[in-house]
């Protein structure tokens, strides 16, 4: 290639076979990305089973069972500063 050639003269368009290869690779990549997002490697456990030693909550029961309320410690709210 001569140094005097301009970039526009050196450009050669892709042939049909190469275009089909690139299109097939793009489709395969898109499929792999979507499949990985929908079903990640290692598996996402979508069904949660209760532990054998923890019973399910009876009606009206709110502690000591699976599905009950959890104790949460919350900081008391700070009073708003006095306006001027």
N, C-alpha and C. Protein backbone atom coordinates (compact mmCIF):
# COMPACT_ATOMS: atom_id res chain seq x y z
N UNK A 1 0.84 -1.17 0.00
CA UNK A 1 0.00 0.00 0.00
C UNK A 1 0.88 1.23 0.00
N UNK A 2 0.54 2.13 -0.85
CA UNK A 2 1.34 3.34 -0.97
C UNK A 2 0.93 4.35 0.10
N UNK A 3 1.88 5.13 0.53
CA UNK A 3 1.61 6.15 1.53
C UNK A 3 0.74 7.26 0.97
N UNK A 4 0.70 7.40 -0.35
CA UNK A 4 -0.07 8.49 -0.96
C UNK A 4 -1.56 8.17 -1.06
N UNK A 5 -1.95 6.91 -0.79
CA UNK A 5 -3.36 6.55 -0.88
C UNK A 5 -4.14 7.16 0.29
N UNK A 6 -5.31 7.67 0.01
CA UNK A 6 -6.15 8.23 1.05
C UNK A 6 -6.96 7.12 1.71
N UNK A 7 -7.43 7.33 2.94
CA UNK A 7 -8.23 6.30 3.62
C UNK A 7 -9.47 5.91 2.84
N UNK A 8 -10.08 6.84 2.13
CA UNK A 8 -11.28 6.52 1.36
C UNK A 8 -10.96 5.55 0.23
N UNK A 9 -9.77 5.60 -0.32
CA UNK A 9 -9.40 4.69 -1.39
C UNK A 9 -9.03 3.32 -0.86
N UNK A 10 -8.60 3.22 0.39
CA UNK A 10 -8.22 1.93 0.97
C UNK A 10 -9.42 1.14 1.48
N UNK A 11 -10.56 1.79 1.66
CA UNK A 11 -11.74 1.13 2.22
C UNK A 11 -12.29 0.08 1.25
N UNK A 12 -12.50 -1.11 1.77
CA UNK A 12 -13.12 -2.17 0.98
C UNK A 12 -14.34 -2.64 1.75
N UNK A 13 -15.53 -2.60 1.18
CA UNK A 13 -16.73 -3.05 1.89
C UNK A 13 -16.67 -4.55 2.16
N UNK A 14 -17.41 -4.97 3.18
CA UNK A 14 -17.44 -6.39 3.53
C UNK A 14 -18.21 -7.17 2.48
N UNK A 15 -17.74 -8.38 2.22
CA UNK A 15 -18.46 -9.21 1.27
C UNK A 15 -19.69 -9.82 1.97
N UNK A 16 -20.56 -10.42 1.20
CA UNK A 16 -21.82 -10.94 1.73
C UNK A 16 -21.58 -12.01 2.79
N UNK A 17 -20.60 -12.85 2.60
CA UNK A 17 -20.32 -13.93 3.55
C UNK A 17 -19.91 -13.36 4.91
N UNK A 18 -19.08 -12.34 4.91
CA UNK A 18 -18.63 -11.72 6.16
C UNK A 18 -19.78 -10.99 6.86
N UNK A 19 -20.66 -10.33 6.05
CA UNK A 19 -21.83 -9.66 6.63
C UNK A 19 -22.75 -10.65 7.31
N UNK A 20 -22.98 -11.82 6.69
CA UNK A 20 -23.83 -12.85 7.30
C UNK A 20 -23.19 -13.38 8.58
N UNK A 21 -21.88 -13.52 8.59
CA UNK A 21 -21.18 -13.99 9.78
C UNK A 21 -21.34 -12.99 10.92
N UNK A 22 -21.17 -11.71 10.63
CA UNK A 22 -21.33 -10.68 11.66
C UNK A 22 -22.77 -10.62 12.16
N UNK A 23 -23.74 -10.76 11.27
CA UNK A 23 -25.14 -10.76 11.68
C UNK A 23 -25.45 -11.96 12.57
N UNK A 24 -24.93 -13.13 12.21
CA UNK A 24 -25.15 -14.33 13.02
C UNK A 24 -24.49 -14.19 14.41
N UNK A 25 -23.30 -13.62 14.45
CA UNK A 25 -22.64 -13.40 15.75
C UNK A 25 -23.41 -12.40 16.60
N UNK A 26 -23.97 -11.36 15.99
CA UNK A 26 -24.76 -10.38 16.73
C UNK A 26 -26.02 -11.02 17.31
N UNK A 27 -26.70 -11.84 16.53
CA UNK A 27 -27.91 -12.51 17.01
C UNK A 27 -27.56 -13.49 18.12
N UNK A 28 -26.48 -14.26 17.96
CA UNK A 28 -26.07 -15.21 18.99
C UNK A 28 -25.68 -14.49 20.28
N UNK A 29 -25.00 -13.36 20.17
CA UNK A 29 -24.63 -12.59 21.35
C UNK A 29 -25.85 -12.04 22.05
N UNK A 30 -26.79 -11.50 21.30
CA UNK A 30 -28.03 -10.98 21.90
C UNK A 30 -28.79 -12.09 22.59
N UNK A 31 -28.87 -13.26 21.98
CA UNK A 31 -29.55 -14.39 22.60
C UNK A 31 -28.86 -14.81 23.89
N UNK A 32 -27.54 -14.85 23.88
CA UNK A 32 -26.79 -15.24 25.08
C UNK A 32 -26.98 -14.23 26.21
N UNK A 33 -27.00 -12.95 25.88
CA UNK A 33 -27.20 -11.92 26.91
C UNK A 33 -28.59 -12.04 27.52
N UNK A 34 -29.62 -12.19 26.69
CA UNK A 34 -30.99 -12.30 27.19
C UNK A 34 -31.14 -13.59 28.01
N UNK A 35 -30.59 -14.69 27.53
CA UNK A 35 -30.70 -15.95 28.27
C UNK A 35 -29.98 -15.86 29.61
N UNK A 36 -28.86 -15.18 29.67
CA UNK A 36 -28.13 -15.03 30.93
C UNK A 36 -28.89 -14.14 31.90
N UNK A 37 -29.54 -13.10 31.39
CA UNK A 37 -30.32 -12.24 32.27
C UNK A 37 -31.55 -12.95 32.82
N UNK A 38 -32.18 -13.78 32.01
CA UNK A 38 -33.38 -14.48 32.45
C UNK A 38 -33.09 -15.67 33.33
N UNK A 39 -31.98 -16.34 33.11
CA UNK A 39 -31.63 -17.53 33.88
C UNK A 39 -30.13 -17.48 34.17
N UNK A 40 -29.72 -16.73 35.21
CA UNK A 40 -28.29 -16.54 35.46
C UNK A 40 -27.58 -17.84 35.83
N UNK A 41 -26.27 -17.91 35.55
CA UNK A 41 -25.50 -19.09 35.92
C UNK A 41 -25.50 -19.26 37.44
N UNK A 42 -25.51 -20.47 37.89
CA UNK A 42 -25.56 -20.73 39.32
C UNK A 42 -26.99 -20.85 39.79
N UNK A 43 -27.91 -20.39 38.98
CA UNK A 43 -29.32 -20.54 39.27
C UNK A 43 -29.81 -19.63 40.37
N UNK A 44 -30.95 -19.07 40.17
CA UNK A 44 -31.59 -18.27 41.20
C UNK A 44 -32.68 -19.13 41.80
N UNK A 45 -32.61 -19.32 43.08
CA UNK A 45 -33.61 -20.14 43.73
C UNK A 45 -34.88 -19.31 43.89
N UNK A 46 -35.87 -19.60 43.07
CA UNK A 46 -37.09 -18.82 43.07
C UNK A 46 -38.09 -19.34 44.09
N UNK A 47 -38.00 -20.59 44.48
CA UNK A 47 -38.93 -21.17 45.45
C UNK A 47 -38.23 -21.26 46.79
N UNK A 48 -38.81 -20.62 47.79
CA UNK A 48 -38.23 -20.67 49.13
C UNK A 48 -39.03 -21.66 49.96
N UNK A 49 -38.34 -22.62 50.51
CA UNK A 49 -38.98 -23.59 51.40
C UNK A 49 -38.69 -23.19 52.83
N UNK A 50 -39.66 -23.44 53.70
CA UNK A 50 -39.46 -23.15 55.11
C UNK A 50 -38.43 -24.10 55.70
N UNK A 51 -37.59 -23.59 56.61
CA UNK A 51 -36.69 -24.50 57.30
C UNK A 51 -37.48 -25.53 58.09
N UNK A 52 -36.92 -26.71 58.25
CA UNK A 52 -37.64 -27.79 58.92
C UNK A 52 -37.95 -27.45 60.38
N UNK A 53 -37.09 -26.67 61.04
CA UNK A 53 -37.29 -26.40 62.46
C UNK A 53 -38.10 -25.12 62.72
N UNK A 54 -38.52 -24.41 61.69
CA UNK A 54 -39.30 -23.19 61.87
C UNK A 54 -40.70 -23.39 61.31
N UNK A 55 -41.72 -23.38 62.17
CA UNK A 55 -43.09 -23.57 61.67
C UNK A 55 -43.63 -22.31 60.99
N UNK A 56 -44.63 -22.50 60.18
CA UNK A 56 -45.29 -21.36 59.55
C UNK A 56 -46.14 -20.65 60.59
N UNK A 57 -46.43 -19.38 60.37
CA UNK A 57 -47.22 -18.60 61.33
C UNK A 57 -48.67 -19.04 61.33
N UNK A 58 -49.21 -19.20 62.52
CA UNK A 58 -50.63 -19.47 62.67
C UNK A 58 -51.36 -18.13 62.58
N UNK A 59 -52.65 -18.13 62.29
CA UNK A 59 -53.39 -16.87 62.24
C UNK A 59 -53.27 -16.09 63.55
N UNK A 60 -52.86 -14.85 63.48
CA UNK A 60 -52.70 -14.01 64.66
C UNK A 60 -51.32 -14.07 65.29
N UNK A 61 -50.50 -15.01 64.91
CA UNK A 61 -49.15 -15.13 65.47
C UNK A 61 -48.23 -14.19 64.70
N UNK A 62 -47.39 -13.43 65.43
CA UNK A 62 -46.53 -12.49 64.73
C UNK A 62 -45.06 -12.62 65.08
N UNK A 63 -44.67 -13.58 65.88
CA UNK A 63 -43.25 -13.77 66.18
C UNK A 63 -42.98 -15.24 66.44
N UNK A 64 -41.70 -15.62 66.24
CA UNK A 64 -41.30 -17.01 66.47
C UNK A 64 -41.74 -17.96 65.38
N UNK A 65 -42.02 -17.44 64.20
CA UNK A 65 -42.45 -18.30 63.11
C UNK A 65 -41.95 -17.73 61.78
N UNK A 66 -41.99 -18.55 60.76
CA UNK A 66 -41.57 -18.09 59.44
C UNK A 66 -42.68 -17.25 58.84
N UNK A 67 -42.35 -16.02 58.47
CA UNK A 67 -43.34 -15.12 57.90
C UNK A 67 -43.87 -14.12 58.91
N UNK A 68 -43.34 -14.14 60.13
CA UNK A 68 -43.78 -13.21 61.17
C UNK A 68 -43.11 -11.86 61.05
N UNK A 69 -43.41 -10.99 61.97
CA UNK A 69 -42.80 -9.66 61.97
C UNK A 69 -41.39 -9.73 62.53
N UNK A 70 -40.54 -8.85 62.05
CA UNK A 70 -39.18 -8.76 62.55
C UNK A 70 -39.05 -7.49 63.38
N UNK A 71 -38.28 -7.55 64.44
CA UNK A 71 -38.02 -6.38 65.26
C UNK A 71 -37.04 -5.47 64.53
N UNK A 72 -37.37 -4.18 64.45
CA UNK A 72 -36.53 -3.22 63.76
C UNK A 72 -36.24 -2.08 64.72
N UNK A 73 -34.98 -1.69 64.81
CA UNK A 73 -34.59 -0.57 65.66
C UNK A 73 -34.47 0.65 64.76
N UNK A 74 -35.21 1.69 65.10
CA UNK A 74 -35.22 2.91 64.29
C UNK A 74 -34.76 4.07 65.15
N UNK A 75 -33.92 4.92 64.59
CA UNK A 75 -33.47 6.11 65.29
C UNK A 75 -34.61 7.11 65.33
N UNK A 76 -34.78 7.76 66.48
CA UNK A 76 -35.86 8.74 66.61
C UNK A 76 -35.62 9.89 65.64
N UNK A 77 -36.71 10.42 65.05
CA UNK A 77 -36.54 11.52 64.11
C UNK A 77 -36.01 12.78 64.79
N UNK A 78 -35.24 13.54 64.07
CA UNK A 78 -34.68 14.78 64.59
C UNK A 78 -35.66 15.90 64.31
N UNK A 79 -35.85 16.76 65.31
CA UNK A 79 -36.76 17.88 65.15
C UNK A 79 -36.22 18.86 64.11
N UNK A 80 -37.12 19.46 63.39
CA UNK A 80 -36.72 20.43 62.37
C UNK A 80 -36.16 21.67 63.05
N UNK A 81 -35.16 22.31 62.45
CA UNK A 81 -34.61 23.52 63.07
C UNK A 81 -35.65 24.64 63.07
N UNK A 82 -35.56 25.48 64.05
CA UNK A 82 -36.51 26.59 64.16
C UNK A 82 -36.32 27.54 62.99
N UNK A 83 -37.43 28.01 62.48
CA UNK A 83 -37.34 28.95 61.35
C UNK A 83 -36.99 30.35 61.86
N UNK A 84 -36.43 31.15 61.04
CA UNK A 84 -36.00 32.49 61.44
C UNK A 84 -37.05 33.50 61.21
